[in-house]
Amino acid sequence: MRPVEHFLSQIDKLERGGSSPTAQERIARTFVDLTAPVIGRDAARDLCGAFLDRGGGSAYQKLGCAAAFLLGEFDETMDLDPGEWEDIRASLEDAAGEMDLNILTALMGELLARGKI
């Protein structure tokens, strides 16, 4: 199982079993661990916070979609709102100085192809 698939599976379990503070912390920590190699730990924490601050019942699913996008595994079954795409774009811009240029270029190209910038 790929890391994003495992993460999405954890999110599904969280949503089915209720959202305890410990489970929520584990999901946030996993998001940061997965995405930090791409955008850096600080940017990953900030992006996680932005998604979770939006709240709502689908906040964790959206966090999973964001992780999938950053790891190059986003597919058409996943959905993000315009504000969430903006959070991703802003995170990429903030982390640009610390990111691998090829990864940054690929992710910004994906945003451009999706009409998000």
PDB file of N, CA and C in Angstrom:
ATOM      1  N   MET A   1       0.849  -1.174   0.000  1.00  0.00           N
ATOM      2  CA  MET A   1       0.000   0.000   0.000  1.00  0.00           C
ATOM      3  C   MET A   1       0.900   1.244   0.000  1.00  0.00           C
ATOM      4  N   ARG A   2       0.605   2.176  -0.893  1.00  0.00           N
ATOM      5  CA  ARG A   2       1.370   3.422  -0.961  1.00  0.00           C
ATOM      6  C   ARG A   2       1.066   4.291   0.263  1.00  0.00           C
ATOM      7  N   PRO A   3       2.005   5.156   0.648  1.00  0.00           N
ATOM      8  CA  PRO A   3       1.798   5.994   1.835  1.00  0.00           C
ATOM      9  C   PRO A   3       0.505   6.809   1.806  1.00  0.00           C
ATOM     10  N   VAL A   4       0.149   7.366   0.660  1.00  0.00           N
ATOM     11  CA  VAL A   4      -1.083   8.166   0.586  1.00  0.00           C
ATOM     12  C   VAL A   4      -2.300   7.277   0.777  1.00  0.00           C
ATOM     13  N   GLU A   5      -2.273   6.085   0.206  1.00  0.00           N
ATOM     14  CA  GLU A   5      -3.390   5.165   0.400  1.00  0.00           C
ATOM     15  C   GLU A   5      -3.555   4.819   1.878  1.00  0.00           C
ATOM     16  N   HIS A   6      -2.441   4.580   2.545  1.00  0.00           N
ATOM     17  CA  HIS A   6      -2.492   4.276   3.978  1.00  0.00           C
ATOM     18  C   HIS A   6      -3.050   5.466   4.753  1.00  0.00           C
ATOM     19  N   PHE A   7      -2.604   6.666   4.405  1.00  0.00           N
ATOM     20  CA  PHE A   7      -3.091   7.878   5.059  1.00  0.00           C
ATOM     21  C   PHE A   7      -4.596   8.038   4.856  1.00  0.00           C
ATOM     22  N   LEU A   8      -5.064   7.856   3.643  1.00  0.00           N
ATOM     23  CA  LEU A   8      -6.501   7.959   3.366  1.00  0.00           C
ATOM     24  C   LEU A   8      -7.284   6.885   4.118  1.00  0.00           C
ATOM     25  N   SER A   9      -6.690   5.710   4.268  1.00  0.00           N
ATOM     26  CA  SER A   9      -7.320   4.649   5.045  1.00  0.00           C
ATOM     27  C   SER A   9      -7.430   5.048   6.514  1.00  0.00           C
ATOM     28  N   GLN A  10      -6.391   5.672   7.051  1.00  0.00           N
ATOM     29  CA  GLN A  10      -6.428   6.167   8.432  1.00  0.00           C
ATOM     30  C   GLN A  10      -7.536   7.210   8.600  1.00  0.00           C
ATOM     31  N   ILE A  11      -7.683   8.072   7.613  1.00  0.00           N
ATOM     32  CA  ILE A  11      -8.727   9.101   7.666  1.00  0.00           C
ATOM     33  C   ILE A  11     -10.104   8.450   7.654  1.00  0.00           C
ATOM     34  N   ASP A  12     -10.292   7.453   6.806  1.00  0.00           N
ATOM     35  CA  ASP A  12     -11.572   6.739   6.770  1.00  0.00           C
ATOM     36  C   ASP A  12     -11.889   6.120   8.129  1.00  0.00           C
ATOM     37  N   LYS A  13     -10.897   5.496   8.749  1.00  0.00           N
ATOM     38  CA  LYS A  13     -11.099   4.896  10.074  1.00  0.00           C
ATOM     39  C   LYS A  13     -11.473   5.962  11.094  1.00  0.00           C
ATOM     40  N   LEU A  14     -10.801   7.104  11.036  1.00  0.00           N
ATOM     41  CA  LEU A  14     -11.086   8.207  11.951  1.00  0.00           C
ATOM     42  C   LEU A  14     -12.534   8.653  11.801  1.00  0.00           C
ATOM     43  N   GLU A  15     -12.981   8.815  10.564  1.00  0.00           N
ATOM     44  CA  GLU A  15     -14.332   9.305  10.328  1.00  0.00           C
ATOM     45  C   GLU A  15     -15.398   8.270  10.683  1.00  0.00           C
ATOM     46  N   ARG A  16     -15.094   7.003  10.537  1.00  0.00           N
ATOM     47  CA  ARG A  16     -16.052   5.956  10.898  1.00  0.00           C
ATOM     48  C   ARG A  16     -16.121   5.750  12.405  1.00  0.00           C
ATOM     49  N   GLY A  17     -14.993   5.896  13.075  1.00  0.00           N
ATOM     50  CA  GLY A  17     -14.936   5.574  14.486  1.00  0.00           C
ATOM     51  C   GLY A  17     -15.072   6.753  15.414  1.00  0.00           C
ATOM     52  N   GLY A  18     -15.354   7.906  14.898  1.00  0.00           N
ATOM     53  CA  GLY A  18     -15.413   9.095  15.750  1.00  0.00           C
ATOM     54  C   GLY A  18     -14.065   9.774  15.775  1.00  0.00           C
ATOM     55  N   SER A  19     -14.065  11.017  16.108  1.00  0.00           N
ATOM     56  CA  SER A  19     -12.846  11.790  15.987  1.00  0.00           C
ATOM     57  C   SER A  19     -12.337  12.174  17.372  1.00  0.00           C
ATOM     58  N   SER A  20     -11.545  11.284  17.945  1.00  0.00           N
ATOM     59  CA  SER A  20     -10.945  11.568  19.247  1.00  0.00           C
ATOM     60  C   SER A  20      -9.759  12.508  19.070  1.00  0.00           C
ATOM     61  N   PRO A  21      -9.428  13.266  20.093  1.00  0.00           N
ATOM     62  CA  PRO A  21      -8.267  14.165  19.992  1.00  0.00           C
ATOM     63  C   PRO A  21      -6.977  13.422  19.635  1.00  0.00           C
ATOM     64  N   THR A  22      -6.794  12.225  20.153  1.00  0.00           N
ATOM     65  CA  THR A  22      -5.593  11.452  19.841  1.00  0.00           C
ATOM     66  C   THR A  22      -5.555  11.079  18.366  1.00  0.00           C
ATOM     67  N   ALA A  23      -6.678  10.641  17.821  1.00  0.00           N
ATOM     68  CA  ALA A  23      -6.743  10.278  16.400  1.00  0.00           C
ATOM     69  C   ALA A  23      -6.512  11.503  15.526  1.00  0.00           C
ATOM     70  N   GLN A  24      -7.067  12.626  15.911  1.00  0.00           N
ATOM     71  CA  GLN A  24      -6.874  13.859  15.144  1.00  0.00           C
ATOM     72  C   GLN A  24      -5.405  14.261  15.139  1.00  0.00           C
ATOM     73  N   GLU A  25      -4.754  14.157  16.277  1.00  0.00           N
ATOM     74  CA  GLU A  25      -3.332  14.493  16.362  1.00  0.00           C
ATOM     75  C   GLU A  25      -2.503  13.554  15.499  1.00  0.00           C
ATOM     76  N   ARG A  26      -2.867  12.270  15.490  1.00  0.00           N
ATOM     77  CA  ARG A  26      -2.144  11.291  14.682  1.00  0.00           C
ATOM     78  C   ARG A  26      -2.285  11.611  13.187  1.00  0.00           C
ATOM     79  N   ILE A  27      -3.480  11.996  12.768  1.00  0.00           N
ATOM     80  CA  ILE A  27      -3.695  12.355  11.359  1.00  0.00           C
ATOM     81  C   ILE A  27      -2.864  13.580  10.999  1.00  0.00           C
ATOM     82  N   ALA A  28      -2.879  14.588  11.845  1.00  0.00           N
ATOM     83  CA  ALA A  28      -2.095  15.802  11.575  1.00  0.00           C
ATOM     84  C   ALA A  28      -0.610  15.467  11.514  1.00  0.00           C
ATOM     85  N   ARG A  29      -0.131  14.664  12.438  1.00  0.00           N
ATOM     86  CA  ARG A  29       1.290  14.290  12.469  1.00  0.00           C
ATOM     87  C   ARG A  29       1.661  13.494  11.216  1.00  0.00           C
ATOM     88  N   THR A  30       0.769  12.601  10.793  1.00  0.00           N
ATOM     89  CA  THR A  30       1.028  11.806   9.592  1.00  0.00           C
ATOM     90  C   THR A  30       1.075  12.695   8.360  1.00  0.00           C
ATOM     91  N   PHE A  31       0.154  13.671   8.272  1.00  0.00           N
ATOM     92  CA  PHE A  31       0.172  14.603   7.143  1.00  0.00           C
ATOM     93  C   PHE A  31       1.518  15.322   7.082  1.00  0.00           C
ATOM     94  N   VAL A  32       1.955  15.832   8.203  1.00  0.00           N
ATOM     95  CA  VAL A  32       3.227  16.557   8.240  1.00  0.00           C
ATOM     96  C   VAL A  32       4.376  15.634   7.850  1.00  0.00           C
ATOM     97  N   ASP A  33       4.399  14.434   8.382  1.00  0.00           N
ATOM     98  CA  ASP A  33       5.467  13.491   8.050  1.00  0.00           C
ATOM     99  C   ASP A  33       5.489  13.137   6.573  1.00  0.00           C
ATOM    100  N   LEU A  34       4.299  12.992   5.969  1.00  0.00           N
ATOM    101  CA  LEU A  34       4.217  12.650   4.540  1.00  0.00           C
ATOM    102  C   LEU A  34       4.655  13.797   3.636  1.00  0.00           C
ATOM    103  N   THR A  35       4.230  14.996   3.980  1.00  0.00           N
ATOM    104  CA  THR A  35       4.430  16.123   3.060  1.00  0.00           C
ATOM    105  C   THR A  35       5.683  16.949   3.351  1.00  0.00           C
ATOM    106  N   ALA A  36       6.263  16.816   4.526  1.00  0.00           N
ATOM    107  CA  ALA A  36       7.462  17.590   4.862  1.00  0.00           C
ATOM    108  C   ALA A  36       8.619  17.365   3.885  1.00  0.00           C
ATOM    109  N   PRO A  37       8.836  16.136   3.394  1.00  0.00           N
ATOM    110  CA  PRO A  37       9.918  15.979   2.418  1.00  0.00           C
ATOM    111  C   PRO A  37       9.695  16.769   1.124  1.00  0.00           C
ATOM    112  N   VAL A  38       8.452  17.133   0.856  1.00  0.00           N
ATOM    113  CA  VAL A  38       8.126  17.882  -0.361  1.00  0.00           C
ATOM    114  C   VAL A  38       8.182  19.384  -0.121  1.00  0.00           C
ATOM    115  N   ILE A  39       7.504  19.857   0.928  1.00  0.00           N
ATOM    116  CA  ILE A  39       7.382  21.311   1.140  1.00  0.00           C
ATOM    117  C   ILE A  39       8.075  21.809   2.407  1.00  0.00           C
ATOM    118  N   GLY A  40       8.666  20.929   3.165  1.00  0.00           N
ATOM    119  CA  GLY A  40       9.319  21.332   4.405  1.00  0.00           C
ATOM    120  C   GLY A  40       8.363  21.200   5.583  1.00  0.00           C
ATOM    121  N   ARG A  41       8.918  20.957   6.748  1.00  0.00           N
ATOM    122  CA  ARG A  41       8.118  20.694   7.943  1.00  0.00           C
ATOM    123  C   ARG A  41       7.264  21.891   8.337  1.00  0.00           C
ATOM    124  N   ASP A  42       7.820  23.107   8.307  1.00  0.00           N
ATOM    125  CA  ASP A  42       7.043  24.280   8.707  1.00  0.00           C
ATOM    126  C   ASP A  42       5.864  24.514   7.767  1.00  0.00           C
ATOM    127  N   ALA A  43       6.114  24.435   6.471  1.00  0.00           N
ATOM    128  CA  ALA A  43       5.038  24.634   5.502  1.00  0.00           C
ATOM    129  C   ALA A  43       3.985  23.528   5.634  1.00  0.00           C
ATOM    130  N   ALA A  44       4.425  22.303   5.907  1.00  0.00           N
ATOM    131  CA  ALA A  44       3.481  21.194   6.078  1.00  0.00           C
ATOM    132  C   ALA A  44       2.595  21.429   7.298  1.00  0.00           C
ATOM    133  N   ARG A  45       3.193  21.884   8.397  1.00  0.00           N
ATOM    134  CA  ARG A  45       2.398  22.185   9.599  1.00  0.00           C
ATOM    135  C   ARG A  45       1.403  23.306   9.323  1.00  0.00           C
ATOM    136  N   ASP A  46       1.874  24.354   8.649  1.00  0.00           N
ATOM    137  CA  ASP A  46       0.995  25.485   8.345  1.00  0.00           C
ATOM    138  C   ASP A  46      -0.161  25.065   7.449  1.00  0.00           C
ATOM    139  N   LEU A  47       0.139  24.284   6.429  1.00  0.00           N
ATOM    140  CA  LEU A  47      -0.914  23.837   5.509  1.00  0.00           C
ATOM    141  C   LEU A  47      -1.910  22.923   6.229  1.00  0.00           C
ATOM    142  N   CYS A  48      -1.414  22.047   7.059  1.00  0.00           N
ATOM    143  CA  CYS A  48      -2.294  21.178   7.840  1.00  0.00           C
ATOM    144  C   CYS A  48      -3.221  22.022   8.712  1.00  0.00           C
ATOM    145  N   GLY A  49      -2.658  23.002   9.389  1.00  0.00           N
ATOM    146  CA  GLY A  49      -3.460  23.882  10.233  1.00  0.00           C
ATOM    147  C   GLY A  49      -4.521  24.624   9.449  1.00  0.00           C
ATOM    148  N   ALA A  50      -4.153  25.109   8.264  1.00  0.00           N
ATOM    149  CA  ALA A  50      -5.116  25.842   7.429  1.00  0.00           C
ATOM    150  C   ALA A  50      -6.294  24.942   7.047  1.00  0.00           C
ATOM    151  N   PHE A  51      -5.998  23.693   6.676  1.00  0.00           N
ATOM    152  CA  PHE A  51      -7.071  22.774   6.293  1.00  0.00           C
ATOM    153  C   PHE A  51      -7.949  22.429   7.485  1.00  0.00           C
ATOM    154  N   LEU A  52      -7.339  22.153   8.613  1.00  0.00           N
ATOM    155  CA  LEU A  52      -8.121  21.758   9.779  1.00  0.00           C
ATOM    156  C   LEU A  52      -8.873  22.929  10.386  1.00  0.00           C
ATOM    157  N   ASP A  53      -8.343  24.146  10.244  1.00  0.00           N
ATOM    158  CA  ASP A  53      -9.053  25.335  10.730  1.00  0.00           C
ATOM    159  C   ASP A  53     -10.352  25.565   9.977  1.00  0.00           C
ATOM    160  N   ARG A  54     -10.407  25.097   8.732  1.00  0.00           N
ATOM    161  CA  ARG A  54     -11.643  25.233   7.955  1.00  0.00           C
ATOM    162  C   ARG A  54     -12.762  24.409   8.579  1.00  0.00           C
ATOM    163  N   GLY A  55     -12.357  23.357   9.282  1.00  0.00           N
ATOM    164  CA  GLY A  55     -13.335  22.511   9.969  1.00  0.00           C
ATOM    165  C   GLY A  55     -14.241  21.787   9.001  1.00  0.00           C
ATOM    166  N   GLY A  56     -15.403  21.481   9.479  1.00  0.00           N
ATOM    167  CA  GLY A  56     -16.359  20.764   8.649  1.00  0.00           C
ATOM    168  C   GLY A  56     -16.099  19.275   8.689  1.00  0.00           C
ATOM    169  N   GLY A  57     -17.089  18.529   8.303  1.00  0.00           N
ATOM    170  CA  GLY A  57     -17.005  17.082   8.346  1.00  0.00           C
ATOM    171  C   GLY A  57     -16.005  16.487   7.391  1.00  0.00           C
ATOM    172  N   SER A  58     -15.662  17.195   6.353  1.00  0.00           N
ATOM    173  CA  SER A  58     -14.758  16.633   5.357  1.00  0.00           C
ATOM    174  C   SER A  58     -13.337  17.187   5.473  1.00  0.00           C
ATOM    175  N   ALA A  59     -13.021  17.877   6.556  1.00  0.00           N
ATOM    176  CA  ALA A  59     -11.693  18.496   6.690  1.00  0.00           C
ATOM    177  C   ALA A  59     -10.577  17.464   6.569  1.00  0.00           C
ATOM    178  N   TYR A  60     -10.765  16.303   7.151  1.00  0.00           N
ATOM    179  CA  TYR A  60      -9.717  15.288   7.085  1.00  0.00           C
ATOM    180  C   TYR A  60      -9.611  14.674   5.695  1.00  0.00           C
ATOM    181  N   GLN A  61     -10.751  14.468   5.035  1.00  0.00           N
ATOM    182  CA  GLN A  61     -10.711  13.980   3.658  1.00  0.00           C
ATOM    183  C   GLN A  61      -9.990  14.980   2.754  1.00  0.00           C
ATOM    184  N   LYS A  62     -10.272  16.256   2.971  1.00  0.00           N
ATOM    185  CA  LYS A  62      -9.613  17.300   2.177  1.00  0.00           C
ATOM    186  C   LYS A  62      -8.110  17.310   2.451  1.00  0.00           C
ATOM    187  N   LEU A  63      -7.733  17.080   3.700  1.00  0.00           N
ATOM    188  CA  LEU A  63      -6.322  16.993   4.061  1.00  0.00           C
ATOM    189  C   LEU A  63      -5.663  15.830   3.321  1.00  0.00           C
ATOM    190  N   GLY A  64      -6.381  14.729   3.213  1.00  0.00           N
ATOM    191  CA  GLY A  64      -5.886  13.592   2.449  1.00  0.00           C
ATOM    192  C   GLY A  64      -5.705  13.923   0.976  1.00  0.00           C
ATOM    193  N   CYS A  65      -6.641  14.688   0.434  1.00  0.00           N
ATOM    194  CA  CYS A  65      -6.529  15.116  -0.973  1.00  0.00           C
ATOM    195  C   CYS A  65      -5.325  16.029  -1.166  1.00  0.00           C
ATOM    196  N   ALA A  66      -5.087  16.914  -0.207  1.00  0.00           N
ATOM    197  CA  ALA A  66      -3.932  17.815  -0.288  1.00  0.00           C
ATOM    198  C   ALA A  66      -2.634  17.009  -0.255  1.00  0.00           C
ATOM    199  N   ALA A  67      -2.564  16.016   0.624  1.00  0.00           N
ATOM    200  CA  ALA A  67      -1.371  15.162   0.689  1.00  0.00           C
ATOM    201  C   ALA A  67      -1.177  14.437  -0.637  1.00  0.00           C
ATOM    202  N   ALA A  68      -2.268  13.914  -1.194  1.00  0.00           N
ATOM    203  CA  ALA A  68      -2.181  13.215  -2.479  1.00  0.00           C
ATOM    204  C   ALA A  68      -1.663  14.151  -3.565  1.00  0.00           C
ATOM    205  N   PHE A  69      -2.148  15.393  -3.582  1.00  0.00           N
ATOM    206  CA  PHE A  69      -1.671  16.342  -4.587  1.00  0.00           C
ATOM    207  C   PHE A  69      -0.172  16.584  -4.439  1.00  0.00           C
ATOM    208  N   LEU A  70       0.264  16.861  -3.226  1.00  0.00           N
ATOM    209  CA  LEU A  70       1.676  17.172  -2.997  1.00  0.00           C
ATOM    210  C   LEU A  70       2.588  15.991  -3.300  1.00  0.00           C
ATOM    211  N   LEU A  71       2.059  14.787  -3.182  1.00  0.00           N
ATOM    212  CA  LEU A  71       2.855  13.589  -3.439  1.00  0.00           C
ATOM    213  C   LEU A  71       2.663  13.054  -4.858  1.00  0.00           C
ATOM    214  N   GLY A  72       1.937  13.807  -5.685  1.00  0.00           N
ATOM    215  CA  GLY A  72       1.758  13.419  -7.083  1.00  0.00           C
ATOM    216  C   GLY A  72       0.777  12.281  -7.282  1.00  0.00           C
ATOM    217  N   GLU A  73      -0.148  12.099  -6.352  1.00  0.00           N
ATOM    218  CA  GLU A  73      -1.100  10.999  -6.448  1.00  0.00           C
ATOM    219  C   GLU A  73      -2.550  11.477  -6.455  1.00  0.00           C
ATOM    220  N   PHE A  74      -2.770  12.723  -6.759  1.00  0.00           N
ATOM    221  CA  PHE A  74      -4.111  13.288  -6.824  1.00  0.00           C
ATOM    222  C   PHE A  74      -4.805  12.732  -8.055  1.00  0.00           C
ATOM    223  N   ASP A  75      -6.055  12.338  -7.900  1.00  0.00           N
ATOM    224  CA  ASP A  75      -6.793  11.840  -9.058  1.00  0.00           C
ATOM    225  C   ASP A  75      -8.154  12.529  -9.137  1.00  0.00           C
ATOM    226  N   GLU A  76      -8.879  12.231 -10.168  1.00  0.00           N
ATOM    227  CA  GLU A  76     -10.140  12.924 -10.442  1.00  0.00           C
ATOM    228  C   GLU A  76     -11.264  12.572  -9.466  1.00  0.00           C
ATOM    229  N   THR A  77     -11.061  11.556  -8.623  1.00  0.00           N
ATOM    230  CA  THR A  77     -12.073  11.251  -7.616  1.00  0.00           C
ATOM    231  C   THR A  77     -11.939  12.168  -6.401  1.00  0.00           C
ATOM    232  N   MET A  78     -10.851  12.913  -6.344  1.00  0.00           N
ATOM    233  CA  MET A  78     -10.579  13.804  -5.217  1.00  0.00           C
ATOM    234  C   MET A  78     -11.043  15.209  -5.559  1.00  0.00           C
ATOM    235  N   ASP A  79     -11.406  15.954  -4.532  1.00  0.00           N
ATOM    236  CA  ASP A  79     -11.959  17.284  -4.764  1.00  0.00           C
ATOM    237  C   ASP A  79     -11.464  18.249  -3.694  1.00  0.00           C
ATOM    238  N   LEU A  80     -11.088  19.423  -4.131  1.00  0.00           N
ATOM    239  CA  LEU A  80     -10.707  20.500  -3.221  1.00  0.00           C
ATOM    240  C   LEU A  80     -11.451  21.765  -3.625  1.00  0.00           C
ATOM    241  N   ASP A  81     -11.774  22.580  -2.642  1.00  0.00           N
ATOM    242  CA  ASP A  81     -12.456  23.847  -2.874  1.00  0.00           C
ATOM    243  C   ASP A  81     -11.447  24.909  -3.327  1.00  0.00           C
ATOM    244  N   PRO A  82     -11.926  25.989  -3.943  1.00  0.00           N
ATOM    245  CA  PRO A  82     -11.001  27.049  -4.382  1.00  0.00           C
ATOM    246  C   PRO A  82     -10.098  27.569  -3.265  1.00  0.00           C
ATOM    247  N   GLY A  83     -10.621  27.741  -2.060  1.00  0.00           N
ATOM    248  CA  GLY A  83      -9.800  28.221  -0.954  1.00  0.00           C
ATOM    249  C   GLY A  83      -8.710  27.238  -0.568  1.00  0.00           C
ATOM    250  N   GLU A  84      -9.007  25.960  -0.695  1.00  0.00           N
ATOM    251  CA  GLU A  84      -8.021  24.933  -0.385  1.00  0.00           C
ATOM    252  C   GLU A  84      -6.909  24.906  -1.429  1.00  0.00           C
ATOM    253  N   TRP A  85      -7.290  25.074  -2.696  1.00  0.00           N
ATOM    254  CA  TRP A  85      -6.269  25.186  -3.739  1.00  0.00           C
ATOM    255  C   TRP A  85      -5.395  26.420  -3.480  1.00  0.00           C
ATOM    256  N   GLU A  86      -6.013  27.489  -3.041  1.00  0.00           N
ATOM    257  CA  GLU A  86      -5.259  28.711  -2.734  1.00  0.00           C
ATOM    258  C   GLU A  86      -4.277  28.459  -1.589  1.00  0.00           C
ATOM    259  N   ASP A  87      -4.708  27.719  -0.567  1.00  0.00           N
ATOM    260  CA  ASP A  87      -3.809  27.380   0.538  1.00  0.00           C
ATOM    261  C   ASP A  87      -2.611  26.574   0.044  1.00  0.00           C
ATOM    262  N   ILE A  88      -2.852  25.639  -0.855  1.00  0.00           N
ATOM    263  CA  ILE A  88      -1.755  24.839  -1.412  1.00  0.00           C
ATOM    264  C   ILE A  88      -0.810  25.724  -2.205  1.00  0.00           C
ATOM    265  N   ARG A  89      -1.375  26.578  -3.058  1.00  0.00           N
ATOM    266  CA  ARG A  89      -0.533  27.475  -3.861  1.00  0.00           C
ATOM    267  C   ARG A  89       0.307  28.371  -2.969  1.00  0.00           C
ATOM    268  N   ALA A  90      -0.309  28.951  -1.949  1.00  0.00           N
ATOM    269  CA  ALA A  90       0.415  29.837  -1.033  1.00  0.00           C
ATOM    270  C   ALA A  90       1.517  29.078  -0.296  1.00  0.00           C
ATOM    271  N   SER A  91       1.230  27.848   0.089  1.00  0.00           N
ATOM    272  CA  SER A  91       2.249  27.040   0.770  1.00  0.00           C
ATOM    273  C   SER A  91       3.430  26.754  -0.148  1.00  0.00           C
ATOM    274  N   LEU A  92       3.135  26.462  -1.396  1.00  0.00           N
ATOM    275  CA  LEU A  92       4.217  26.222  -2.359  1.00  0.00           C
ATOM    276  C   LEU A  92       5.053  27.474  -2.557  1.00  0.00           C
ATOM    277  N   GLU A  93       4.399  28.607  -2.666  1.00  0.00           N
ATOM    278  CA  GLU A  93       5.140  29.859  -2.838  1.00  0.00           C
ATOM    279  C   GLU A  93       5.989  30.169  -1.611  1.00  0.00           C
ATOM    280  N   ASP A  94       5.433  29.942  -0.416  1.00  0.00           N
ATOM    281  CA  ASP A  94       6.180  30.201   0.815  1.00  0.00           C
ATOM    282  C   ASP A  94       7.379  29.278   0.955  1.00  0.00           C
ATOM    283  N   ALA A  95       7.230  28.036   0.519  1.00  0.00           N
ATOM    284  CA  ALA A  95       8.288  27.039   0.686  1.00  0.00           C
ATOM    285  C   ALA A  95       9.236  26.975  -0.508  1.00  0.00           C
ATOM    286  N   ALA A  96       8.998  27.765  -1.524  1.00  0.00           N
ATOM    287  CA  ALA A  96       9.745  27.665  -2.778  1.00  0.00           C
ATOM    288  C   ALA A  96      11.256  27.712  -2.587  1.00  0.00           C
ATOM    289  N   GLY A  97      11.732  28.529  -1.675  1.00  0.00           N
ATOM    290  CA  GLY A  97      13.172  28.656  -1.468  1.00  0.00           C
ATOM    291  C   GLY A  97      13.819  27.410  -0.907  1.00  0.00           C
ATOM    292  N   GLU A  98      13.059  26.574  -0.226  1.00  0.00           N
ATOM    293  CA  GLU A  98      13.607  25.367   0.385  1.00  0.00           C
ATOM    294  C   GLU A  98      13.284  24.103  -0.397  1.00  0.00           C
ATOM    295  N   MET A  99      12.434  24.225  -1.404  1.00  0.00           N
ATOM    296  CA  MET A  99      11.980  23.044  -2.142  1.00  0.00           C
ATOM    297  C   MET A  99      12.921  22.681  -3.277  1.00  0.00           C
ATOM    298  N   ASP A 100      12.907  21.420  -3.640  1.00  0.00           N
ATOM    299  CA  ASP A 100      13.593  20.959  -4.836  1.00  0.00           C
ATOM    300  C   ASP A 100      12.928  21.649  -6.032  1.00  0.00           C
ATOM    301  N   LEU A 101      13.719  22.251  -6.879  1.00  0.00           N
ATOM    302  CA  LEU A 101      13.183  23.034  -7.996  1.00  0.00           C
ATOM    303  C   LEU A 101      12.342  22.184  -8.942  1.00  0.00           C
ATOM    304  N   ASN A 102      12.739  20.953  -9.175  1.00  0.00           N
ATOM    305  CA  ASN A 102      11.962  20.078 -10.074  1.00  0.00           C
ATOM    306  C   ASN A 102      10.591  19.771  -9.491  1.00  0.00           C
ATOM    307  N   ILE A 103      10.527  19.524  -8.188  1.00  0.00           N
ATOM    308  CA  ILE A 103       9.248  19.240  -7.544  1.00  0.00           C
ATOM    309  C   ILE A 103       8.367  20.475  -7.553  1.00  0.00           C
ATOM    310  N   LEU A 104       8.956  21.622  -7.224  1.00  0.00           N
ATOM    311  CA  LEU A 104       8.202  22.876  -7.240  1.00  0.00           C
ATOM    312  C   LEU A 104       7.634  23.142  -8.626  1.00  0.00           C
ATOM    313  N   THR A 105       8.449  22.983  -9.640  1.00  0.00           N
ATOM    314  CA  THR A 105       8.018  23.215 -11.016  1.00  0.00           C
ATOM    315  C   THR A 105       6.880  22.260 -11.393  1.00  0.00           C
ATOM    316  N   ALA A 106       7.007  21.005 -11.015  1.00  0.00           N
ATOM    317  CA  ALA A 106       5.970  20.022 -11.346  1.00  0.00           C
ATOM    318  C   ALA A 106       4.656  20.360 -10.644  1.00  0.00           C
ATOM    319  N   LEU A 107       4.714  20.710  -9.362  1.00  0.00           N
ATOM    320  CA  LEU A 107       3.490  21.022  -8.625  1.00  0.00           C
ATOM    321  C   LEU A 107       2.839  22.310  -9.122  1.00  0.00           C
ATOM    322  N   MET A 108       3.647  23.317  -9.394  1.00  0.00           N
ATOM    323  CA  MET A 108       3.082  24.564  -9.927  1.00  0.00           C
ATOM    324  C   MET A 108       2.494  24.315 -11.317  1.00  0.00           C
ATOM    325  N   GLY A 109       3.140  23.457 -12.096  1.00  0.00           N
ATOM    326  CA  GLY A 109       2.605  23.084 -13.404  1.00  0.00           C
ATOM    327  C   GLY A 109       1.258  22.385 -13.282  1.00  0.00           C
ATOM    328  N   GLU A 110       1.120  21.535 -12.273  1.00  0.00           N
ATOM    329  CA  GLU A 110      -0.161  20.869 -12.028  1.00  0.00           C
ATOM    330  C   GLU A 110      -1.239  21.882 -11.642  1.00  0.00           C
ATOM    331  N   LEU A 111      -0.876  22.831 -10.802  1.00  0.00           N
ATOM    332  CA  LEU A 111      -1.841  23.883 -10.440  1.00  0.00           C
ATOM    333  C   LEU A 111      -2.264  24.664 -11.680  1.00  0.00           C
ATOM    334  N   LEU A 112      -1.311  25.000 -12.508  1.00  0.00           N
ATOM    335  CA  LEU A 112      -1.590  25.743 -13.732  1.00  0.00           C
ATOM    336  C   LEU A 112      -2.494  24.916 -14.662  1.00  0.00           C
ATOM    337  N   ALA A 113      -2.173  23.647 -14.824  1.00  0.00           N
ATOM    338  CA  ALA A 113      -2.979  22.777 -15.696  1.00  0.00           C
ATOM    339  C   ALA A 113      -4.415  22.639 -15.196  1.00  0.00           C
ATOM    340  N   ARG A 114      -4.604  22.728 -13.910  1.00  0.00           N
ATOM    341  CA  ARG A 114      -5.946  22.625 -13.319  1.00  0.00           C
ATOM    342  C   ARG A 114      -6.638  23.970 -13.235  1.00  0.00           C
ATOM    343  N   GLY A 115      -5.973  25.026 -13.711  1.00  0.00           N
ATOM    344  CA  GLY A 115      -6.570  26.362 -13.694  1.00  0.00           C
ATOM    345  C   GLY A 115      -6.630  26.976 -12.320  1.00  0.00           C
ATOM    346  N   LYS A 116      -5.723  26.592 -11.434  1.00  0.00           N
ATOM    347  CA  LYS A 116      -5.741  27.084 -10.055  1.00  0.00           C
ATOM    348  C   LYS A 116      -4.790  28.247  -9.835  1.00  0.00           C
ATOM    349  N   ILE A 117      -4.006  28.584 -10.855  1.00  0.00           N
ATOM    350  CA  ILE A 117      -3.167  29.800 -10.812  1.00  0.00           C
ATOM    351  C   ILE A 117      -3.226  30.480 -12.155  1.00  0.00           C
TER     352      ILE A 117
END
